[in-house]
């Protein structure tokens, strides 16, 4: 649910939240995410977003008590 997503998002480090919001809520391309977050390249931004999403998945699982997947 949206509520679970918001709770899980708040549990992340600010840098990880920024990456997820930039990519998925604002719909920025990886090149734009790189510029917005100070990453050196689009590839670095993509990798950082993947890592942030993995952390978000862990938080969602802890909230829901399930094997929730994004």
PDB file of N, CA and C in Angstrom:
ATOM      1  N   UNK A   1       0.828  -1.183   0.000  1.00  0.00           N
ATOM      2  CA  UNK A   1       0.000   0.000   0.000  1.00  0.00           C
ATOM      3  C   UNK A   1       0.875   1.250   0.000  1.00  0.00           C
ATOM      4  N   UNK A   2       0.273   2.343  -0.316  1.00  0.00           N
ATOM      5  CA  UNK A   2       0.982   3.623  -0.319  1.00  0.00           C
ATOM      6  C   UNK A   2       1.478   3.949   1.083  1.00  0.00           C
ATOM      7  N   UNK A   3       0.700   3.637   2.077  1.00  0.00           N
ATOM      8  CA  UNK A   3       1.102   3.914   3.461  1.00  0.00           C
ATOM      9  C   UNK A   3       2.381   3.148   3.820  1.00  0.00           C
ATOM     10  N   UNK A   4       2.445   1.891   3.447  1.00  0.00           N
ATOM     11  CA  UNK A   4       3.647   1.098   3.717  1.00  0.00           C
ATOM     12  C   UNK A   4       4.853   1.672   2.978  1.00  0.00           C
ATOM     13  N   UNK A   5       4.639   2.053   1.740  1.00  0.00           N
ATOM     14  CA  UNK A   5       5.711   2.659   0.948  1.00  0.00           C
ATOM     15  C   UNK A   5       6.240   3.911   1.639  1.00  0.00           C
ATOM     16  N   UNK A   6       5.353   4.775   2.073  1.00  0.00           N
ATOM     17  CA  UNK A   6       5.773   6.027   2.706  1.00  0.00           C
ATOM     18  C   UNK A   6       6.519   5.781   4.015  1.00  0.00           C
ATOM     19  N   UNK A   7       6.050   4.819   4.794  1.00  0.00           N
ATOM     20  CA  UNK A   7       6.734   4.480   6.045  1.00  0.00           C
ATOM     21  C   UNK A   7       8.128   3.940   5.744  1.00  0.00           C
ATOM     22  N   UNK A   8       8.209   3.012   4.798  1.00  0.00           N
ATOM     23  CA  UNK A   8       9.502   2.422   4.434  1.00  0.00           C
ATOM     24  C   UNK A   8      10.444   3.480   3.880  1.00  0.00           C
ATOM     25  N   UNK A   9       9.938   4.373   3.065  1.00  0.00           N
ATOM     26  CA  UNK A   9      10.754   5.429   2.481  1.00  0.00           C
ATOM     27  C   UNK A   9      11.349   6.323   3.575  1.00  0.00           C
ATOM     28  N   UNK A  10      10.575   6.631   4.580  1.00  0.00           N
ATOM     29  CA  UNK A  10      11.051   7.479   5.681  1.00  0.00           C
ATOM     30  C   UNK A  10      12.154   6.814   6.500  1.00  0.00           C
ATOM     31  N   UNK A  11      12.216   5.499   6.460  1.00  0.00           N
ATOM     32  CA  UNK A  11      13.242   4.774   7.208  1.00  0.00           C
ATOM     33  C   UNK A  11      14.606   4.784   6.515  1.00  0.00           C
ATOM     34  N   UNK A  12      14.620   5.153   5.251  1.00  0.00           N
ATOM     35  CA  UNK A  12      15.870   5.167   4.484  1.00  0.00           C
ATOM     36  C   UNK A  12      16.686   6.421   4.792  1.00  0.00           C
ATOM     37  N   UNK A  13      17.969   6.342   4.457  1.00  0.00           N
ATOM     38  CA  UNK A  13      18.829   7.514   4.557  1.00  0.00           C
ATOM     39  C   UNK A  13      18.316   8.570   3.575  1.00  0.00           C
ATOM     40  N   UNK A  14      18.499   9.839   3.883  1.00  0.00           N
ATOM     41  CA  UNK A  14      18.024  10.891   2.983  1.00  0.00           C
ATOM     42  C   UNK A  14      18.531  10.742   1.549  1.00  0.00           C
ATOM     43  N   UNK A  15      19.778  10.344   1.374  1.00  0.00           N
ATOM     44  CA  UNK A  15      20.325  10.180   0.022  1.00  0.00           C
ATOM     45  C   UNK A  15      19.577   9.097  -0.748  1.00  0.00           C
ATOM     46  N   UNK A  16      19.221   8.000  -0.080  1.00  0.00           N
ATOM     47  CA  UNK A  16      18.479   6.924  -0.741  1.00  0.00           C
ATOM     48  C   UNK A  16      17.059   7.374  -1.071  1.00  0.00           C
ATOM     49  N   UNK A  17      16.439   8.112  -0.152  1.00  0.00           N
ATOM     50  CA  UNK A  17      15.106   8.651  -0.422  1.00  0.00           C
ATOM     51  C   UNK A  17      15.130   9.555  -1.650  1.00  0.00           C
ATOM     52  N   UNK A  18      16.140  10.409  -1.714  1.00  0.00           N
ATOM     53  CA  UNK A  18      16.255  11.343  -2.823  1.00  0.00           C
ATOM     54  C   UNK A  18      16.365  10.604  -4.163  1.00  0.00           C
ATOM     55  N   UNK A  19      17.134   9.548  -4.191  1.00  0.00           N
ATOM     56  CA  UNK A  19      17.284   8.761  -5.413  1.00  0.00           C
ATOM     57  C   UNK A  19      15.965   8.144  -5.853  1.00  0.00           C
ATOM     58  N   UNK A  20      15.255   7.553  -4.930  1.00  0.00           N
ATOM     59  CA  UNK A  20      13.988   6.889  -5.251  1.00  0.00           C
ATOM     60  C   UNK A  20      12.947   7.906  -5.701  1.00  0.00           C
ATOM     61  N   UNK A  21      12.849   9.008  -4.989  1.00  0.00           N
ATOM     62  CA  UNK A  21      11.874  10.034  -5.350  1.00  0.00           C
ATOM     63  C   UNK A  21      12.198  10.618  -6.726  1.00  0.00           C
ATOM     64  N   UNK A  22      13.467  10.915  -6.966  1.00  0.00           N
ATOM     65  CA  UNK A  22      13.859  11.492  -8.256  1.00  0.00           C
ATOM     66  C   UNK A  22      13.513  10.554  -9.409  1.00  0.00           C
ATOM     67  N   UNK A  23      13.825   9.290  -9.242  1.00  0.00           N
ATOM     68  CA  UNK A  23      13.623   8.333 -10.335  1.00  0.00           C
ATOM     69  C   UNK A  23      12.165   7.940 -10.516  1.00  0.00           C
ATOM     70  N   UNK A  24      11.488   7.578  -9.432  1.00  0.00           N
ATOM     71  CA  UNK A  24      10.160   6.978  -9.556  1.00  0.00           C
ATOM     72  C   UNK A  24       9.007   7.944  -9.328  1.00  0.00           C
ATOM     73  N   UNK A  25       9.159   8.890  -8.437  1.00  0.00           N
ATOM     74  CA  UNK A  25       8.066   9.825  -8.219  1.00  0.00           C
ATOM     75  C   UNK A  25       8.133  10.998  -9.192  1.00  0.00           C
ATOM     76  N   UNK A  26       9.354  11.448  -9.501  1.00  0.00           N
ATOM     77  CA  UNK A  26       9.504  12.566 -10.429  1.00  0.00           C
ATOM     78  C   UNK A  26       9.715  12.091 -11.866  1.00  0.00           C
ATOM     79  N   UNK A  27      10.058  10.820 -12.030  1.00  0.00           N
ATOM     80  CA  UNK A  27      10.213  10.243 -13.352  1.00  0.00           C
ATOM     81  C   UNK A  27      11.450  10.705 -14.106  1.00  0.00           C
ATOM     82  N   UNK A  28      12.494  11.094 -13.366  1.00  0.00           N
ATOM     83  CA  UNK A  28      13.711  11.558 -14.016  1.00  0.00           C
ATOM     84  C   UNK A  28      14.465  10.397 -14.664  1.00  0.00           C
ATOM     85  N   UNK A  29      15.099  10.672 -15.786  1.00  0.00           N
ATOM     86  CA  UNK A  29      15.987   9.704 -16.425  1.00  0.00           C
ATOM     87  C   UNK A  29      17.237   9.579 -15.562  1.00  0.00           C
ATOM     88  N   UNK A  30      17.994   8.498 -15.739  1.00  0.00           N
ATOM     89  CA  UNK A  30      19.180   8.292 -14.907  1.00  0.00           C
ATOM     90  C   UNK A  30      20.197   9.420 -15.057  1.00  0.00           C
ATOM     91  N   UNK A  31      20.308   9.967 -16.239  1.00  0.00           N
ATOM     92  CA  UNK A  31      21.217  11.100 -16.432  1.00  0.00           C
ATOM     93  C   UNK A  31      20.767  12.292 -15.584  1.00  0.00           C
ATOM     94  N   UNK A  32      19.474  12.531 -15.528  1.00  0.00           N
ATOM     95  CA  UNK A  32      18.927  13.625 -14.715  1.00  0.00           C
ATOM     96  C   UNK A  32      19.079  13.326 -13.224  1.00  0.00           C
ATOM     97  N   UNK A  33      18.894  12.070 -12.853  1.00  0.00           N
ATOM     98  CA  UNK A  33      19.092  11.671 -11.453  1.00  0.00           C
ATOM     99  C   UNK A  33      20.543  11.929 -11.060  1.00  0.00           C
ATOM    100  N   UNK A  34      21.466  11.617 -11.954  1.00  0.00           N
ATOM    101  CA  UNK A  34      22.886  11.843 -11.682  1.00  0.00           C
ATOM    102  C   UNK A  34      23.152  13.314 -11.400  1.00  0.00           C
ATOM    103  N   UNK A  35      22.630  14.180 -12.223  1.00  0.00           N
ATOM    104  CA  UNK A  35      22.827  15.620 -12.033  1.00  0.00           C
ATOM    105  C   UNK A  35      22.189  16.081 -10.721  1.00  0.00           C
ATOM    106  N   UNK A  36      20.961  15.630 -10.467  1.00  0.00           N
ATOM    107  CA  UNK A  36      20.225  16.069  -9.281  1.00  0.00           C
ATOM    108  C   UNK A  36      20.854  15.591  -7.978  1.00  0.00           C
ATOM    109  N   UNK A  37      21.526  14.445  -8.024  1.00  0.00           N
ATOM    110  CA  UNK A  37      22.051  13.855  -6.789  1.00  0.00           C
ATOM    111  C   UNK A  37      23.568  13.899  -6.693  1.00  0.00           C
ATOM    112  N   UNK A  38      24.214  14.486  -7.681  1.00  0.00           N
ATOM    113  CA  UNK A  38      25.661  14.615  -7.636  1.00  0.00           C
ATOM    114  C   UNK A  38      26.434  13.358  -8.001  1.00  0.00           C
ATOM    115  N   UNK A  39      25.783  12.434  -8.663  1.00  0.00           N
ATOM    116  CA  UNK A  39      26.473  11.229  -9.117  1.00  0.00           C
ATOM    117  C   UNK A  39      27.278  11.560 -10.372  1.00  0.00           C
ATOM    118  N   UNK A  40      28.421  10.922 -10.580  1.00  0.00           N
ATOM    119  CA  UNK A  40      29.277  11.305 -11.707  1.00  0.00           C
ATOM    120  C   UNK A  40      28.742  10.916 -13.087  1.00  0.00           C
ATOM    121  N   UNK A  41      27.937   9.854 -13.155  1.00  0.00           N
ATOM    122  CA  UNK A  41      27.423   9.386 -14.445  1.00  0.00           C
ATOM    123  C   UNK A  41      26.015   8.821 -14.280  1.00  0.00           C
ATOM    124  N   UNK A  42      25.360   8.623 -15.419  1.00  0.00           N
ATOM    125  CA  UNK A  42      24.044   7.981 -15.398  1.00  0.00           C
ATOM    126  C   UNK A  42      24.149   6.554 -14.874  1.00  0.00           C
ATOM    127  N   UNK A  43      25.240   5.867 -15.225  1.00  0.00           N
ATOM    128  CA  UNK A  43      25.436   4.497 -14.744  1.00  0.00           C
ATOM    129  C   UNK A  43      25.589   4.464 -13.228  1.00  0.00           C
ATOM    130  N   UNK A  44      26.296   5.425 -12.674  1.00  0.00           N
ATOM    131  CA  UNK A  44      26.452   5.498 -11.218  1.00  0.00           C
ATOM    132  C   UNK A  44      25.108   5.779 -10.559  1.00  0.00           C
ATOM    133  N   UNK A  45      24.314   6.631 -11.172  1.00  0.00           N
ATOM    134  CA  UNK A  45      22.985   6.922 -10.638  1.00  0.00           C
ATOM    135  C   UNK A  45      22.105   5.687 -10.682  1.00  0.00           C
ATOM    136  N   UNK A  46      22.170   4.944 -11.795  1.00  0.00           N
ATOM    137  CA  UNK A  46      21.367   3.721 -11.916  1.00  0.00           C
ATOM    138  C   UNK A  46      21.716   2.732 -10.828  1.00  0.00           C
ATOM    139  N   UNK A  47      23.008   2.529 -10.606  1.00  0.00           N
ATOM    140  CA  UNK A  47      23.449   1.601  -9.571  1.00  0.00           C
ATOM    141  C   UNK A  47      22.998   2.067  -8.191  1.00  0.00           C
ATOM    142  N   UNK A  48      23.098   3.354  -7.932  1.00  0.00           N
ATOM    143  CA  UNK A  48      22.670   3.897  -6.636  1.00  0.00           C
ATOM    144  C   UNK A  48      21.164   3.721  -6.444  1.00  0.00           C
ATOM    145  N   UNK A  49      20.389   3.903  -7.519  1.00  0.00           N
ATOM    146  CA  UNK A  49      18.939   3.706  -7.431  1.00  0.00           C
ATOM    147  C   UNK A  49      18.624   2.239  -7.144  1.00  0.00           C
ATOM    148  N   UNK A  50      19.302   1.332  -7.810  1.00  0.00           N
ATOM    149  CA  UNK A  50      19.088  -0.104  -7.567  1.00  0.00           C
ATOM    150  C   UNK A  50      19.375  -0.436  -6.106  1.00  0.00           C
ATOM    151  N   UNK A  51      20.473   0.065  -5.585  1.00  0.00           N
ATOM    152  CA  UNK A  51      20.817  -0.191  -4.185  1.00  0.00           C
ATOM    153  C   UNK A  51      19.780   0.409  -3.236  1.00  0.00           C
ATOM    154  N   UNK A  52      19.330   1.612  -3.540  1.00  0.00           N
ATOM    155  CA  UNK A  52      18.305   2.247  -2.698  1.00  0.00           C
ATOM    156  C   UNK A  52      17.003   1.450  -2.744  1.00  0.00           C
ATOM    157  N   UNK A  53      16.642   0.935  -3.917  1.00  0.00           N
ATOM    158  CA  UNK A  53      15.428   0.128  -4.029  1.00  0.00           C
ATOM    159  C   UNK A  53      15.550  -1.180  -3.251  1.00  0.00           C
ATOM    160  N   UNK A  54      16.734  -1.761  -3.244  1.00  0.00           N
ATOM    161  CA  UNK A  54      16.939  -2.975  -2.444  1.00  0.00           C
ATOM    162  C   UNK A  54      16.731  -2.676  -0.965  1.00  0.00           C
ATOM    163  N   UNK A  55      17.225  -1.539  -0.505  1.00  0.00           N
ATOM    164  CA  UNK A  55      17.020  -1.148   0.900  1.00  0.00           C
ATOM    165  C   UNK A  55      15.548  -0.896   1.181  1.00  0.00           C
ATOM    166  N   UNK A  56      14.864  -0.278   0.226  1.00  0.00           N
ATOM    167  CA  UNK A  56      13.432  -0.036   0.397  1.00  0.00           C
ATOM    168  C   UNK A  56      12.670  -1.356   0.488  1.00  0.00           C
ATOM    169  N   UNK A  57      13.055  -2.327  -0.323  1.00  0.00           N
ATOM    170  CA  UNK A  57      12.416  -3.636  -0.288  1.00  0.00           C
ATOM    171  C   UNK A  57      12.578  -4.298   1.079  1.00  0.00           C
ATOM    172  N   UNK A  58      13.770  -4.196   1.646  1.00  0.00           N
ATOM    173  CA  UNK A  58      14.014  -4.752   2.984  1.00  0.00           C
ATOM    174  C   UNK A  58      13.097  -4.082   3.997  1.00  0.00           C
ATOM    175  N   UNK A  59      12.981  -2.772   3.921  1.00  0.00           N
ATOM    176  CA  UNK A  59      12.118  -2.050   4.857  1.00  0.00           C
ATOM    177  C   UNK A  59      10.656  -2.434   4.680  1.00  0.00           C
ATOM    178  N   UNK A  60      10.224  -2.570   3.438  1.00  0.00           N
ATOM    179  CA  UNK A  60       8.840  -2.986   3.193  1.00  0.00           C
ATOM    180  C   UNK A  60       8.567  -4.365   3.771  1.00  0.00           C
ATOM    181  N   UNK A  61       9.513  -5.263   3.606  1.00  0.00           N
ATOM    182  CA  UNK A  61       9.347  -6.608   4.169  1.00  0.00           C
ATOM    183  C   UNK A  61       9.238  -6.552   5.682  1.00  0.00           C
ATOM    184  N   UNK A  62      10.011  -5.691   6.312  1.00  0.00           N
ATOM    185  CA  UNK A  62       9.961  -5.606   7.774  1.00  0.00           C
ATOM    186  C   UNK A  62       8.633  -5.002   8.245  1.00  0.00           C
ATOM    187  N   UNK A  63       8.061  -4.126   7.454  1.00  0.00           N
ATOM    188  CA  UNK A  63       6.782  -3.508   7.813  1.00  0.00           C
ATOM    189  C   UNK A  63       5.626  -4.478   7.612  1.00  0.00           C
ATOM    190  N   UNK A  64       5.634  -5.162   6.479  1.00  0.00           N
ATOM    191  CA  UNK A  64       4.505  -6.019   6.137  1.00  0.00           C
ATOM    192  C   UNK A  64       4.638  -7.436   6.671  1.00  0.00           C
ATOM    193  N   UNK A  65       5.879  -7.830   7.006  1.00  0.00           N
ATOM    194  CA  UNK A  65       6.086  -9.180   7.488  1.00  0.00           C
ATOM    195  C   UNK A  65       5.942 -10.218   6.396  1.00  0.00           C
ATOM    196  N   UNK A  66       6.090  -9.785   5.155  1.00  0.00           N
ATOM    197  CA  UNK A  66       5.941 -10.697   4.016  1.00  0.00           C
ATOM    198  C   UNK A  66       7.169 -10.618   3.122  1.00  0.00           C
ATOM    199  N   UNK A  67       7.114 -11.374   2.081  1.00  0.00           N
ATOM    200  CA  UNK A  67       8.145 -11.325   1.063  1.00  0.00           C
ATOM    201  C   UNK A  67       7.813 -10.315  -0.012  1.00  0.00           C
ATOM    202  N   UNK A  68       7.321  -9.149   0.391  1.00  0.00           N
ATOM    203  CA  UNK A  68       6.927  -8.123  -0.573  1.00  0.00           C
ATOM    204  C   UNK A  68       8.060  -7.815  -1.544  1.00  0.00           C
ATOM    205  N   UNK A  69       7.709  -7.698  -2.814  1.00  0.00           N
ATOM    206  CA  UNK A  69       8.691  -7.378  -3.841  1.00  0.00           C
ATOM    207  C   UNK A  69       8.208  -6.163  -4.608  1.00  0.00           C
ATOM    208  N   UNK A  70       9.145  -5.380  -5.056  1.00  0.00           N
ATOM    209  CA  UNK A  70       8.792  -4.204  -5.870  1.00  0.00           C
ATOM    210  C   UNK A  70       8.910  -4.535  -7.320  1.00  0.00           C
TER     211      UNK A  70
END
